[in-house]
């Protein structure tokens, strides 16, 4: 299992619709993908998602098919992540 941090830049006029769309996704929206958290964030990016995937192909498909296609999503950036320490078990 690989962890990912996904940053999303959104059109401010679509923020509410994007929030509703993200909130409607099940924990497993795509084969091999598990969503753990989504957050509004401040700065250059607007939304952050933490998810895991069983392989990079499923992670990429999730981002391309479920996130990048949401109307109002301007840009995404995905970072594979390696845990240093787990404080709370998901």
N, C-alpha and C. Protein backbone atom coordinates (compact mmCIF):
# COMPACT_ATOMS: atom_id res chain seq x y z
N UNK A 1 0.85 -1.18 0.00
CA UNK A 1 0.00 0.00 0.00
C UNK A 1 0.90 1.24 0.00
N UNK A 2 0.57 2.17 -0.85
CA UNK A 2 1.30 3.44 -0.96
C UNK A 2 0.39 4.57 -0.50
N UNK A 3 0.93 5.50 0.28
CA UNK A 3 0.19 6.69 0.71
C UNK A 3 0.44 7.83 -0.26
N UNK A 4 -0.56 8.73 -0.36
CA UNK A 4 -0.46 9.89 -1.25
C UNK A 4 -1.05 11.11 -0.56
N UNK A 5 -0.44 12.25 -0.83
CA UNK A 5 -0.99 13.55 -0.47
C UNK A 5 -1.34 14.22 -1.78
N UNK A 6 -2.58 14.63 -1.93
CA UNK A 6 -3.06 15.26 -3.16
C UNK A 6 -3.48 16.70 -2.86
N UNK A 7 -2.86 17.64 -3.54
CA UNK A 7 -3.21 19.05 -3.41
C UNK A 7 -4.04 19.47 -4.62
N UNK A 8 -5.06 20.29 -4.37
CA UNK A 8 -5.99 20.69 -5.42
C UNK A 8 -6.18 22.20 -5.38
N UNK A 9 -6.03 22.84 -6.53
CA UNK A 9 -6.32 24.26 -6.72
C UNK A 9 -7.70 24.35 -7.35
N UNK A 10 -8.58 25.18 -6.78
CA UNK A 10 -9.96 25.25 -7.28
C UNK A 10 -10.32 26.68 -7.67
N UNK A 11 -11.27 26.79 -8.58
CA UNK A 11 -11.89 28.06 -8.91
C UNK A 11 -12.74 28.46 -7.70
N UNK A 12 -12.45 29.61 -7.08
CA UNK A 12 -13.19 30.00 -5.87
C UNK A 12 -14.70 30.02 -6.05
N UNK A 13 -15.17 30.32 -7.24
CA UNK A 13 -16.62 30.37 -7.45
C UNK A 13 -17.25 28.96 -7.45
N UNK A 14 -16.42 27.91 -7.51
CA UNK A 14 -16.92 26.53 -7.53
C UNK A 14 -16.62 25.79 -6.22
N UNK A 15 -16.12 26.52 -5.23
CA UNK A 15 -15.69 25.88 -3.98
C UNK A 15 -16.79 25.05 -3.33
N UNK A 16 -17.99 25.58 -3.23
CA UNK A 16 -19.08 24.84 -2.58
C UNK A 16 -19.43 23.57 -3.32
N UNK A 17 -19.48 23.64 -4.65
CA UNK A 17 -19.80 22.46 -5.45
C UNK A 17 -18.71 21.40 -5.31
N UNK A 18 -17.45 21.84 -5.30
CA UNK A 18 -16.34 20.90 -5.17
C UNK A 18 -16.37 20.24 -3.80
N UNK A 19 -16.66 21.02 -2.76
CA UNK A 19 -16.76 20.47 -1.42
C UNK A 19 -17.86 19.41 -1.35
N UNK A 20 -19.01 19.69 -1.95
CA UNK A 20 -20.11 18.72 -1.96
C UNK A 20 -19.70 17.46 -2.72
N UNK A 21 -19.04 17.62 -3.85
CA UNK A 21 -18.63 16.47 -4.65
C UNK A 21 -17.66 15.60 -3.86
N UNK A 22 -16.64 16.21 -3.26
CA UNK A 22 -15.67 15.44 -2.49
C UNK A 22 -16.34 14.76 -1.31
N UNK A 23 -17.28 15.45 -0.65
CA UNK A 23 -17.99 14.88 0.48
C UNK A 23 -18.90 13.72 0.12
N UNK A 24 -19.26 13.62 -1.15
CA UNK A 24 -20.14 12.54 -1.59
C UNK A 24 -19.40 11.25 -1.95
N UNK A 25 -18.08 11.33 -2.06
CA UNK A 25 -17.32 10.14 -2.44
C UNK A 25 -17.32 9.12 -1.31
N UNK A 26 -17.46 7.84 -1.65
CA UNK A 26 -17.33 6.81 -0.62
C UNK A 26 -15.86 6.65 -0.21
N UNK A 27 -15.62 5.90 0.84
CA UNK A 27 -14.25 5.69 1.29
C UNK A 27 -13.39 5.01 0.23
N UNK A 28 -14.01 4.19 -0.61
CA UNK A 28 -13.29 3.50 -1.69
C UNK A 28 -13.90 3.89 -3.03
N UNK A 29 -13.56 5.07 -3.55
CA UNK A 29 -14.20 5.57 -4.76
C UNK A 29 -13.71 4.91 -6.05
N UNK A 30 -12.55 4.27 -6.01
CA UNK A 30 -11.97 3.64 -7.19
C UNK A 30 -11.27 2.36 -6.74
N UNK A 31 -11.18 1.41 -7.63
CA UNK A 31 -10.52 0.14 -7.32
C UNK A 31 -9.13 0.38 -6.70
N UNK A 32 -8.89 -0.21 -5.55
CA UNK A 32 -7.59 -0.13 -4.92
C UNK A 32 -7.29 1.16 -4.18
N UNK A 33 -8.26 2.09 -4.12
CA UNK A 33 -8.03 3.40 -3.50
C UNK A 33 -8.89 3.52 -2.24
N UNK A 34 -8.27 4.03 -1.17
CA UNK A 34 -8.98 4.30 0.08
C UNK A 34 -8.73 5.75 0.47
N UNK A 35 -9.80 6.51 0.61
CA UNK A 35 -9.70 7.90 1.07
C UNK A 35 -9.69 7.91 2.60
N UNK A 36 -8.81 8.75 3.17
CA UNK A 36 -8.73 8.87 4.63
C UNK A 36 -9.22 10.22 5.12
N UNK A 37 -8.82 11.30 4.43
CA UNK A 37 -9.23 12.64 4.89
C UNK A 37 -9.21 13.61 3.72
N UNK A 38 -10.07 14.61 3.83
CA UNK A 38 -10.00 15.74 2.90
C UNK A 38 -10.13 17.01 3.73
N UNK A 39 -9.38 18.04 3.34
CA UNK A 39 -9.30 19.26 4.12
C UNK A 39 -9.35 20.48 3.22
N UNK A 40 -9.93 21.56 3.72
CA UNK A 40 -9.70 22.88 3.13
C UNK A 40 -8.37 23.35 3.69
N UNK A 41 -7.53 23.93 2.85
CA UNK A 41 -6.24 24.43 3.31
C UNK A 41 -6.04 25.86 2.80
N UNK A 42 -5.09 26.56 3.37
CA UNK A 42 -4.80 27.94 3.01
C UNK A 42 -3.47 28.01 2.27
N UNK A 43 -3.31 29.04 1.46
CA UNK A 43 -2.05 29.23 0.74
C UNK A 43 -2.24 29.05 -0.76
N UNK A 44 -1.26 28.48 -1.40
CA UNK A 44 -1.29 28.31 -2.85
C UNK A 44 -2.29 27.25 -3.30
N UNK A 45 -2.65 26.35 -2.41
CA UNK A 45 -3.59 25.28 -2.71
C UNK A 45 -4.84 25.46 -1.86
N UNK A 46 -5.93 24.83 -2.28
CA UNK A 46 -7.22 25.03 -1.60
C UNK A 46 -7.74 23.80 -0.87
N UNK A 47 -7.39 22.62 -1.38
CA UNK A 47 -7.89 21.37 -0.82
C UNK A 47 -6.73 20.38 -0.75
N UNK A 48 -6.74 19.56 0.29
CA UNK A 48 -5.76 18.49 0.43
C UNK A 48 -6.52 17.20 0.70
N UNK A 49 -6.12 16.13 0.03
CA UNK A 49 -6.69 14.81 0.30
C UNK A 49 -5.56 13.87 0.67
N UNK A 50 -5.82 13.00 1.65
CA UNK A 50 -4.89 11.93 1.99
C UNK A 50 -5.57 10.63 1.61
N UNK A 51 -4.86 9.83 0.82
CA UNK A 51 -5.42 8.55 0.41
C UNK A 51 -4.31 7.53 0.24
N UNK A 52 -4.71 6.28 0.16
CA UNK A 52 -3.78 5.21 -0.15
C UNK A 52 -4.27 4.49 -1.39
N UNK A 53 -3.35 3.81 -2.04
CA UNK A 53 -3.70 3.01 -3.21
C UNK A 53 -2.81 1.78 -3.25
N UNK A 54 -3.34 0.73 -3.85
CA UNK A 54 -2.57 -0.50 -3.91
C UNK A 54 -1.46 -0.44 -4.96
N UNK A 55 -1.58 0.52 -5.90
CA UNK A 55 -0.51 0.71 -6.87
C UNK A 55 -0.64 2.10 -7.50
N UNK A 56 0.42 2.54 -8.16
CA UNK A 56 0.43 3.89 -8.75
C UNK A 56 -0.59 4.05 -9.85
N UNK A 57 -0.86 2.99 -10.61
CA UNK A 57 -1.85 3.09 -11.69
C UNK A 57 -3.24 3.42 -11.14
N UNK A 58 -3.64 2.77 -10.05
CA UNK A 58 -4.95 3.06 -9.46
C UNK A 58 -4.97 4.45 -8.84
N UNK A 59 -3.86 4.88 -8.24
CA UNK A 59 -3.80 6.24 -7.70
C UNK A 59 -3.95 7.27 -8.82
N UNK A 60 -3.24 7.07 -9.92
CA UNK A 60 -3.30 8.00 -11.04
C UNK A 60 -4.70 8.01 -11.66
N UNK A 61 -5.30 6.84 -11.80
CA UNK A 61 -6.65 6.77 -12.36
C UNK A 61 -7.65 7.51 -11.47
N UNK A 62 -7.52 7.35 -10.15
CA UNK A 62 -8.41 8.06 -9.22
C UNK A 62 -8.28 9.56 -9.40
N UNK A 63 -7.05 10.07 -9.42
CA UNK A 63 -6.86 11.51 -9.56
C UNK A 63 -7.41 12.00 -10.90
N UNK A 64 -7.12 11.29 -11.97
CA UNK A 64 -7.55 11.72 -13.30
C UNK A 64 -9.05 11.60 -13.50
N UNK A 65 -9.66 10.53 -13.01
CA UNK A 65 -11.08 10.27 -13.28
C UNK A 65 -12.02 10.89 -12.25
N UNK A 66 -11.56 11.06 -11.01
CA UNK A 66 -12.46 11.52 -9.96
C UNK A 66 -12.19 12.94 -9.49
N UNK A 67 -10.94 13.39 -9.55
CA UNK A 67 -10.61 14.71 -9.01
C UNK A 67 -10.43 15.73 -10.12
N UNK A 68 -9.56 15.45 -11.06
CA UNK A 68 -9.24 16.41 -12.12
C UNK A 68 -10.45 16.77 -12.97
N UNK A 69 -11.42 15.88 -13.05
CA UNK A 69 -12.61 16.12 -13.89
C UNK A 69 -13.73 16.88 -13.17
N UNK A 70 -13.56 17.16 -11.89
CA UNK A 70 -14.58 17.92 -11.17
C UNK A 70 -14.60 19.34 -11.74
N UNK A 71 -15.76 19.83 -12.18
CA UNK A 71 -15.82 21.20 -12.69
C UNK A 71 -15.32 22.20 -11.65
N UNK A 72 -14.38 23.04 -12.04
CA UNK A 72 -13.82 24.02 -11.14
C UNK A 72 -12.45 23.64 -10.59
N UNK A 73 -12.03 22.40 -10.79
CA UNK A 73 -10.67 22.02 -10.39
C UNK A 73 -9.72 22.57 -11.44
N UNK A 74 -8.79 23.39 -11.00
CA UNK A 74 -7.85 24.05 -11.89
C UNK A 74 -6.59 23.24 -12.07
N UNK A 75 -6.11 22.66 -10.97
CA UNK A 75 -4.82 21.96 -11.01
C UNK A 75 -4.74 20.99 -9.85
N UNK A 76 -4.01 19.90 -10.06
CA UNK A 76 -3.74 18.96 -8.97
C UNK A 76 -2.25 18.68 -8.92
N UNK A 77 -1.79 18.29 -7.75
CA UNK A 77 -0.42 17.83 -7.60
C UNK A 77 -0.44 16.71 -6.57
N UNK A 78 0.11 15.57 -6.96
CA UNK A 78 0.08 14.38 -6.13
C UNK A 78 1.49 14.03 -5.67
N UNK A 79 1.61 13.75 -4.38
CA UNK A 79 2.90 13.37 -3.80
C UNK A 79 2.80 11.98 -3.18
N UNK A 80 3.54 11.00 -3.70
CA UNK A 80 3.64 9.73 -2.97
C UNK A 80 4.34 10.02 -1.65
N UNK A 81 3.91 9.38 -0.59
CA UNK A 81 4.45 9.67 0.73
C UNK A 81 4.86 8.38 1.43
N UNK A 82 5.94 8.46 2.18
CA UNK A 82 6.40 7.34 2.98
C UNK A 82 6.30 7.74 4.45
N UNK A 83 5.50 7.03 5.24
CA UNK A 83 5.34 7.40 6.64
C UNK A 83 6.65 7.31 7.42
N UNK A 84 6.83 8.24 8.33
CA UNK A 84 7.93 8.19 9.27
C UNK A 84 7.46 7.47 10.54
N UNK A 85 6.29 7.88 11.02
CA UNK A 85 5.70 7.27 12.20
C UNK A 85 4.19 7.44 12.11
N UNK A 86 3.46 6.41 12.48
CA UNK A 86 2.01 6.47 12.53
C UNK A 86 1.59 6.71 13.99
N UNK A 87 0.93 7.81 14.25
CA UNK A 87 0.50 8.17 15.58
C UNK A 87 -0.86 7.57 15.92
N UNK A 88 -1.72 7.49 14.91
CA UNK A 88 -3.05 6.93 15.09
C UNK A 88 -3.29 5.97 13.93
N UNK A 89 -3.69 4.77 14.22
CA UNK A 89 -3.97 3.80 13.16
C UNK A 89 -5.23 4.20 12.39
N UNK A 90 -5.14 4.21 11.05
CA UNK A 90 -6.34 4.56 10.27
C UNK A 90 -7.40 3.48 10.34
